Amino acid sequence: ELAERVAAYGWLLVAVTAASPLLDGSFVEKK
């Protein structure tokens, strides 16, 4: 039942710990 509740509200943890807004261009296009 806890897993069910976390599935419904776990988005909150994504919002407060997100820390990766930047990518290097080589991830999307070689070189």
PDB file of all heavy atoms in Angstrom:
ATOM      1  N   GLU A   1       0.828  -1.206   0.000  1.00  0.00           N
ATOM      2  CA  GLU A   1       0.000   0.000   0.000  1.00  0.00           C
ATOM      3  C   GLU A   1       0.864   1.259   0.000  1.00  0.00           C
ATOM      4  O   GLU A   1       0.501   2.271  -0.608  1.00  0.00           O
ATOM      5  CB  GLU A   1      -0.947  -0.015   1.199  1.00  0.00           C
ATOM      6  CG  GLU A   1      -1.996  -1.118   1.101  1.00  0.00           C
ATOM      7  CD  GLU A   1      -2.986  -1.103   2.257  1.00  0.00           C
ATOM      8  OE1 GLU A   1      -3.010  -0.113   3.021  1.00  0.00           O
ATOM      9  OE2 GLU A   1      -3.745  -2.092   2.388  1.00  0.00           O
ATOM     10  N   LEU A   2       2.013   1.198   0.665  1.00  0.00           N
ATOM     11  CA  LEU A   2       2.921   2.348   0.642  1.00  0.00           C
ATOM     12  C   LEU A   2       3.454   2.571  -0.769  1.00  0.00           C
ATOM     13  O   LEU A   2       3.533   3.723  -1.231  1.00  0.00           O
ATOM     14  CB  LEU A   2       4.071   2.118   1.623  1.00  0.00           C
ATOM     15  CG  LEU A   2       5.125   3.227   1.683  1.00  0.00           C
ATOM     16  CD1 LEU A   2       4.507   4.532   2.182  1.00  0.00           C
ATOM     17  CD2 LEU A   2       6.287   2.818   2.591  1.00  0.00           C
ATOM     18  N   ALA A   3       3.819   1.495  -1.469  1.00  0.00           N
ATOM     19  CA  ALA A   3       4.310   1.632  -2.841  1.00  0.00           C
ATOM     20  C   ALA A   3       3.263   2.288  -3.732  1.00  0.00           C
ATOM     21  O   ALA A   3       3.586   3.106  -4.599  1.00  0.00           O
ATOM     22  CB  ALA A   3       4.701   0.263  -3.389  1.00  0.00           C
ATOM     23  N   GLU A   4       2.021   1.929  -3.515  1.00  0.00           N
ATOM     24  CA  GLU A   4       0.923   2.543  -4.265  1.00  0.00           C
ATOM     25  C   GLU A   4       0.854   4.042  -4.003  1.00  0.00           C
ATOM     26  O   GLU A   4       0.717   4.851  -4.933  1.00  0.00           O
ATOM     27  CB  GLU A   4      -0.387   1.872  -3.859  1.00  0.00           C
ATOM     28  CG  GLU A   4      -1.622   2.416  -4.552  1.00  0.00           C
ATOM     29  CD  GLU A   4      -2.887   1.752  -4.028  1.00  0.00           C
ATOM     30  OE1 GLU A   4      -3.101   1.780  -2.784  1.00  0.00           O
ATOM     31  OE2 GLU A   4      -3.647   1.220  -4.835  1.00  0.00           O
ATOM     32  N   ARG A   5       1.000   4.428  -2.738  1.00  0.00           N
ATOM     33  CA  ARG A   5       0.935   5.850  -2.374  1.00  0.00           C
ATOM     34  C   ARG A   5       2.140   6.621  -2.925  1.00  0.00           C
ATOM     35  O   ARG A   5       2.006   7.769  -3.359  1.00  0.00           O
ATOM     36  CB  ARG A   5       0.882   5.987  -0.853  1.00  0.00           C
ATOM     37  CG  ARG A   5      -0.309   5.320  -0.199  1.00  0.00           C
ATOM     38  CD  ARG A   5      -1.590   6.081  -0.418  1.00  0.00           C
ATOM     39  NE  ARG A   5      -1.671   7.228   0.484  1.00  0.00           N
ATOM     40  CZ  ARG A   5      -2.193   8.410   0.165  1.00  0.00           C
ATOM     41  NH1 ARG A   5      -2.654   8.601  -1.043  1.00  0.00           N
ATOM     42  NH2 ARG A   5      -2.248   9.375   1.047  1.00  0.00           N
ATOM     43  N   VAL A   6       3.311   5.983  -2.901  1.00  0.00           N
ATOM     44  CA  VAL A   6       4.506   6.655  -3.429  1.00  0.00           C
ATOM     45  C   VAL A   6       4.398   6.806  -4.941  1.00  0.00           C
ATOM     46  O   VAL A   6       4.858   7.805  -5.507  1.00  0.00           O
ATOM     47  CB  VAL A   6       5.786   5.886  -3.038  1.00  0.00           C
ATOM     48  CG1 VAL A   6       7.011   6.583  -3.611  1.00  0.00           C
ATOM     49  CG2 VAL A   6       5.913   5.808  -1.515  1.00  0.00           C
ATOM     50  N   ALA A   7       3.798   5.829  -5.611  1.00  0.00           N
ATOM     51  CA  ALA A   7       3.579   5.978  -7.047  1.00  0.00           C
ATOM     52  C   ALA A   7       2.728   7.209  -7.346  1.00  0.00           C
ATOM     53  O   ALA A   7       2.929   7.901  -8.346  1.00  0.00           O
ATOM     54  CB  ALA A   7       2.910   4.724  -7.603  1.00  0.00           C
ATOM     55  N   ALA A   8       1.789   7.515  -6.457  1.00  0.00           N
ATOM     56  CA  ALA A   8       0.905   8.661  -6.659  1.00  0.00           C
ATOM     57  C   ALA A   8       1.561   9.989  -6.295  1.00  0.00           C
ATOM     58  O   ALA A   8       1.246  11.026  -6.890  1.00  0.00           O
ATOM     59  CB  ALA A   8      -0.379   8.479  -5.844  1.00  0.00           C
ATOM     60  N   TYR A   9       2.489   9.967  -5.327  1.00  0.00           N
ATOM     61  CA  TYR A   9       3.059  11.226  -4.820  1.00  0.00           C
ATOM     62  C   TYR A   9       4.574  11.333  -4.948  1.00  0.00           C
ATOM     63  O   TYR A   9       5.157  12.336  -4.544  1.00  0.00           O
ATOM     64  CB  TYR A   9       2.659  11.417  -3.347  1.00  0.00           C
ATOM     65  CG  TYR A   9       1.213  11.779  -3.161  1.00  0.00           C
ATOM     66  CD1 TYR A   9       0.239  10.803  -2.984  1.00  0.00           C
ATOM     67  CD2 TYR A   9       0.797  13.113  -3.193  1.00  0.00           C
ATOM     68  CE1 TYR A   9      -1.099  11.131  -2.830  1.00  0.00           C
ATOM     69  CE2 TYR A   9      -0.532  13.459  -3.037  1.00  0.00           C
ATOM     70  CZ  TYR A   9      -1.478  12.460  -2.858  1.00  0.00           C
ATOM     71  OH  TYR A   9      -2.809  12.803  -2.715  1.00  0.00           O
ATOM     72  N   GLY A  10       5.210  10.332  -5.525  1.00  0.00           N
ATOM     73  CA  GLY A  10       6.667  10.370  -5.627  1.00  0.00           C
ATOM     74  C   GLY A  10       7.209  11.432  -6.555  1.00  0.00           C
ATOM     75  O   GLY A  10       8.400  11.766  -6.500  1.00  0.00           O
ATOM     76  N   TRP A  11       6.351  11.985  -7.423  1.00  0.00           N
ATOM     77  CA  TRP A  11       6.782  13.087  -8.277  1.00  0.00           C
ATOM     78  C   TRP A  11       7.378  14.235  -7.463  1.00  0.00           C
ATOM     79  O   TRP A  11       8.221  14.998  -7.962  1.00  0.00           O
ATOM     80  CB  TRP A  11       5.600  13.617  -9.108  1.00  0.00           C
ATOM     81  CG  TRP A  11       4.422  14.042  -8.289  1.00  0.00           C
ATOM     82  CD1 TRP A  11       3.334  13.304  -7.969  1.00  0.00           C
ATOM     83  CD2 TRP A  11       4.227  15.317  -7.641  1.00  0.00           C
ATOM     84  NE1 TRP A  11       2.459  14.021  -7.169  1.00  0.00           N
ATOM     85  CE2 TRP A  11       2.982  15.264  -6.955  1.00  0.00           C
ATOM     86  CE3 TRP A  11       4.974  16.488  -7.597  1.00  0.00           C
ATOM     87  CZ2 TRP A  11       2.489  16.340  -6.231  1.00  0.00           C
ATOM     88  CZ3 TRP A  11       4.485  17.563  -6.861  1.00  0.00           C
ATOM     89  CH2 TRP A  11       3.262  17.482  -6.193  1.00  0.00           C
ATOM     90  N   LEU A  12       6.932  14.356  -6.215  1.00  0.00           N
ATOM     91  CA  LEU A  12       7.438  15.429  -5.355  1.00  0.00           C
ATOM     92  C   LEU A  12       8.946  15.320  -5.177  1.00  0.00           C
ATOM     93  O   LEU A  12       9.663  16.327  -5.156  1.00  0.00           O
ATOM     94  CB  LEU A  12       6.733  15.365  -4.004  1.00  0.00           C
ATOM     95  CG  LEU A  12       6.977  16.529  -3.036  1.00  0.00           C
ATOM     96  CD1 LEU A  12       6.303  17.791  -3.536  1.00  0.00           C
ATOM     97  CD2 LEU A  12       6.442  16.182  -1.653  1.00  0.00           C
ATOM     98  N   LEU A  13       9.453  14.094  -5.058  1.00  0.00           N
ATOM     99  CA  LEU A  13      10.893  13.886  -4.877  1.00  0.00           C
ATOM    100  C   LEU A  13      11.660  14.224  -6.138  1.00  0.00           C
ATOM    101  O   LEU A  13      12.807  14.687  -6.069  1.00  0.00           O
ATOM    102  CB  LEU A  13      11.157  12.440  -4.446  1.00  0.00           C
ATOM    103  CG  LEU A  13      10.599  12.055  -3.078  1.00  0.00           C
ATOM    104  CD1 LEU A  13      10.779  10.565  -2.817  1.00  0.00           C
ATOM    105  CD2 LEU A  13      11.270  12.871  -1.968  1.00  0.00           C
ATOM    106  N   VAL A  14      11.067  13.991  -7.291  1.00  0.00           N
ATOM    107  CA  VAL A  14      11.710  14.414  -8.542  1.00  0.00           C
ATOM    108  C   VAL A  14      11.853  15.928  -8.560  1.00  0.00           C
ATOM    109  O   VAL A  14      12.924  16.475  -8.869  1.00  0.00           O
ATOM    110  CB  VAL A  14      10.902  13.942  -9.767  1.00  0.00           C
ATOM    111  CG1 VAL A  14      11.515  14.492 -11.056  1.00  0.00           C
ATOM    112  CG2 VAL A  14      10.826  12.423  -9.823  1.00  0.00           C
ATOM    113  N   ALA A  15      10.793  16.627  -8.208  1.00  0.00           N
ATOM    114  CA  ALA A  15      10.800  18.092  -8.273  1.00  0.00           C
ATOM    115  C   ALA A  15      11.851  18.702  -7.358  1.00  0.00           C
ATOM    116  O   ALA A  15      12.499  19.692  -7.720  1.00  0.00           O
ATOM    117  CB  ALA A  15       9.413  18.631  -7.922  1.00  0.00           C
ATOM    118  N   VAL A  16      12.046  18.129  -6.168  1.00  0.00           N
ATOM    119  CA  VAL A  16      12.959  18.761  -5.210  1.00  0.00           C
ATOM    120  C   VAL A  16      14.413  18.312  -5.368  1.00  0.00           C
ATOM    121  O   VAL A  16      15.305  18.937  -4.795  1.00  0.00           O
ATOM    122  CB  VAL A  16      12.514  18.538  -3.747  1.00  0.00           C
ATOM    123  CG1 VAL A  16      11.126  19.130  -3.528  1.00  0.00           C
ATOM    124  CG2 VAL A  16      12.554  17.075  -3.348  1.00  0.00           C
ATOM    125  N   THR A  17      14.669  17.241  -6.141  1.00  0.00           N
ATOM    126  CA  THR A  17      16.058  16.765  -6.282  1.00  0.00           C
ATOM    127  C   THR A  17      16.589  16.876  -7.715  1.00  0.00           C
ATOM    128  O   THR A  17      17.740  16.534  -7.962  1.00  0.00           O
ATOM    129  CB  THR A  17      16.202  15.305  -5.812  1.00  0.00           C
ATOM    130  OG1 THR A  17      15.388  14.447  -6.621  1.00  0.00           O
ATOM    131  CG2 THR A  17      15.804  15.168  -4.345  1.00  0.00           C
ATOM    132  N   ALA A  18      15.781  17.342  -8.654  1.00  0.00           N
ATOM    133  CA  ALA A  18      16.232  17.486 -10.040  1.00  0.00           C
ATOM    134  C   ALA A  18      17.426  18.422 -10.102  1.00  0.00           C
ATOM    135  O   ALA A  18      17.381  19.537  -9.574  1.00  0.00           O
ATOM    136  CB  ALA A  18      15.097  18.019 -10.897  1.00  0.00           C
ATOM    137  N   ALA A  19      18.506  17.975 -10.754  1.00  0.00           N
ATOM    138  CA  ALA A  19      19.746  18.768 -10.743  1.00  0.00           C
ATOM    139  C   ALA A  19      20.557  18.573 -12.019  1.00  0.00           C
ATOM    140  O   ALA A  19      21.777  18.720 -12.001  1.00  0.00           O
ATOM    141  CB  ALA A  19      20.592  18.387  -9.520  1.00  0.00           C
ATOM    142  N   SER A  20      19.877  18.245 -13.131  1.00  0.00           N
ATOM    143  CA  SER A  20      20.645  17.969 -14.356  1.00  0.00           C
ATOM    144  C   SER A  20      20.014  18.624 -15.579  1.00  0.00           C
ATOM    145  O   SER A  20      19.511  17.946 -16.472  1.00  0.00           O
ATOM    146  CB  SER A  20      20.766  16.451 -14.561  1.00  0.00           C
ATOM    147  OG  SER A  20      19.493  15.831 -14.532  1.00  0.00           O
ATOM    148  N   PRO A  21      20.056  19.953 -15.647  1.00  0.00           N
ATOM    149  CA  PRO A  21      19.428  20.643 -16.768  1.00  0.00           C
ATOM    150  C   PRO A  21      20.277  20.729 -18.031  1.00  0.00           C
ATOM    151  O   PRO A  21      19.761  21.090 -19.089  1.00  0.00           O
ATOM    152  CB  PRO A  21      19.182  22.043 -16.202  1.00  0.00           C
ATOM    153  CG  PRO A  21      20.328  22.246 -15.252  1.00  0.00           C
ATOM    154  CD  PRO A  21      20.554  20.897 -14.623  1.00  0.00           C
ATOM    155  N   LEU A  22      21.572  20.406 -17.930  1.00  0.00           N
ATOM    156  CA  LEU A  22      22.494  20.620 -19.053  1.00  0.00           C
ATOM    157  C   LEU A  22      23.036  19.313 -19.604  1.00  0.00           C
ATOM    158  O   LEU A  22      23.319  18.373 -18.864  1.00  0.00           O
ATOM    159  CB  LEU A  22      23.663  21.506 -18.621  1.00  0.00           C
ATOM    160  CG  LEU A  22      23.303  22.909 -18.101  1.00  0.00           C
ATOM    161  CD1 LEU A  22      24.546  23.596 -17.558  1.00  0.00           C
ATOM    162  CD2 LEU A  22      22.657  23.740 -19.212  1.00  0.00           C
ATOM    163  N   LEU A  23      23.196  19.276 -20.926  1.00  0.00           N
ATOM    164  CA  LEU A  23      23.828  18.167 -21.630  1.00  0.00           C
ATOM    165  C   LEU A  23      24.932  18.701 -22.528  1.00  0.00           C
ATOM    166  O   LEU A  23      24.837  19.827 -23.038  1.00  0.00           O
ATOM    167  CB  LEU A  23      22.816  17.459 -22.526  1.00  0.00           C
ATOM    168  CG  LEU A  23      21.968  16.319 -21.978  1.00  0.00           C
ATOM    169  CD1 LEU A  23      20.944  15.916 -23.041  1.00  0.00           C
ATOM    170  CD2 LEU A  23      22.823  15.125 -21.600  1.00  0.00           C
ATOM    171  N   ASP A  24      25.961  17.901 -22.734  1.00  0.00           N
ATOM    172  CA  ASP A  24      26.916  18.251 -23.782  1.00  0.00           C
ATOM    173  C   ASP A  24      26.332  17.856 -25.130  1.00  0.00           C
ATOM    174  O   ASP A  24      25.625  16.856 -25.254  1.00  0.00           O
ATOM    175  CB  ASP A  24      28.246  17.520 -23.567  1.00  0.00           C
ATOM    176  CG  ASP A  24      29.285  17.960 -24.577  1.00  0.00           C
ATOM    177  OD1 ASP A  24      29.681  19.155 -24.540  1.00  0.00           O
ATOM    178  OD2 ASP A  24      29.696  17.135 -25.420  1.00  0.00           O
ATOM    179  N   GLY A  25      26.652  18.625 -26.160  1.00  0.00           N
ATOM    180  CA  GLY A  25      26.120  18.370 -27.492  1.00  0.00           C
ATOM    181  C   GLY A  25      26.457  16.997 -28.034  1.00  0.00           C
ATOM    182  O   GLY A  25      25.731  16.463 -28.881  1.00  0.00           O
ATOM    183  N   SER A  26      27.543  16.406 -27.562  1.00  0.00           N
ATOM    184  CA  SER A  26      27.943  15.093 -28.064  1.00  0.00           C
ATOM    185  C   SER A  26      26.970  13.995 -27.669  1.00  0.00           C
ATOM    186  O   SER A  26      27.003  12.901 -28.243  1.00  0.00           O
ATOM    187  CB  SER A  26      29.354  14.747 -27.565  1.00  0.00           C
ATOM    188  OG  SER A  26      29.405  14.706 -26.146  1.00  0.00           O
ATOM    189  N   PHE A  27      26.093  14.260 -26.724  1.00  0.00           N
ATOM    190  CA  PHE A  27      25.080  13.272 -26.350  1.00  0.00           C
ATOM    191  C   PHE A  27      24.021  13.155 -27.439  1.00  0.00           C
ATOM    192  O   PHE A  27      23.447  12.079 -27.642  1.00  0.00           O
ATOM    193  CB  PHE A  27      24.417  13.658 -25.026  1.00  0.00           C
ATOM    194  CG  PHE A  27      23.470  12.617 -24.488  1.00  0.00           C
ATOM    195  CD1 PHE A  27      23.915  11.637 -23.623  1.00  0.00           C
ATOM    196  CD2 PHE A  27      22.123  12.617 -24.846  1.00  0.00           C
ATOM    197  CE1 PHE A  27      23.046  10.663 -23.122  1.00  0.00           C
ATOM    198  CE2 PHE A  27      21.245  11.654 -24.357  1.00  0.00           C
ATOM    199  CZ  PHE A  27      21.715  10.675 -23.497  1.00  0.00           C
ATOM    200  N   VAL A  28      23.749  14.250 -28.132  1.00  0.00           N
ATOM    201  CA  VAL A  28      22.674  14.250 -29.126  1.00  0.00           C
ATOM    202  C   VAL A  28      23.194  14.236 -30.554  1.00  0.00           C
ATOM    203  O   VAL A  28      22.458  13.905 -31.483  1.00  0.00           O
ATOM    204  CB  VAL A  28      21.743  15.463 -28.917  1.00  0.00           C
ATOM    205  CG1 VAL A  28      20.993  15.331 -27.606  1.00  0.00           C
ATOM    206  CG2 VAL A  28      22.513  16.773 -28.943  1.00  0.00           C
ATOM    207  N   GLU A  29      24.467  14.585 -30.754  1.00  0.00           N
ATOM    208  CA  GLU A  29      25.055  14.571 -32.097  1.00  0.00           C
ATOM    209  C   GLU A  29      26.558  14.332 -31.978  1.00  0.00           C
ATOM    210  O   GLU A  29      27.245  15.019 -31.224  1.00  0.00           O
ATOM    211  CB  GLU A  29      24.792  15.905 -32.812  1.00  0.00           C
ATOM    212  CG  GLU A  29      25.237  15.919 -34.254  1.00  0.00           C
ATOM    213  CD  GLU A  29      24.883  17.226 -34.956  1.00  0.00           C
ATOM    214  OE1 GLU A  29      24.252  18.097 -34.322  1.00  0.00           O
ATOM    215  OE2 GLU A  29      25.249  17.370 -36.124  1.00  0.00           O
ATOM    216  N   LYS A  30      27.059  13.358 -32.706  1.00  0.00           N
ATOM    217  CA  LYS A  30      28.453  12.965 -32.586  1.00  0.00           C
ATOM    218  C   LYS A  30      29.398  14.130 -32.886  1.00  0.00           C
ATOM    219  O   LYS A  30      29.175  14.917 -33.799  1.00  0.00           O
ATOM    220  CB  LYS A  30      28.766  11.801 -33.527  1.00  0.00           C
ATOM    221  CG  LYS A  30      28.166  10.475 -33.072  1.00  0.00           C
ATOM    222  CD  LYS A  30      28.590   9.326 -33.971  1.00  0.00           C
ATOM    223  CE  LYS A  30      28.016   8.002 -33.451  1.00  0.00           C
ATOM    224  NZ  LYS A  30      28.409   6.874 -34.321  1.00  0.00           N
ATOM    225  N   LYS A  31      30.415  14.220 -32.039  1.00  0.00           N
ATOM    226  CA  LYS A  31      31.528  15.169 -32.181  1.00  0.00           C
ATOM    227  C   LYS A  31      31.125  16.617 -31.944  1.00  0.00           C
ATOM    228  O   LYS A  31      31.916  17.533 -32.210  1.00  0.00           O
ATOM    229  CB  LYS A  31      32.198  15.025 -33.550  1.00  0.00           C
ATOM    230  CG  LYS A  31      32.817  13.651 -33.777  1.00  0.00           C
ATOM    231  CD  LYS A  31      33.532  13.576 -35.121  1.00  0.00           C
ATOM    232  CE  LYS A  31      34.146  12.189 -35.323  1.00  0.00           C
ATOM    233  NZ  LYS A  31      34.859  12.088 -36.613  1.00  0.00           N
TER     234      LYS A  31
END
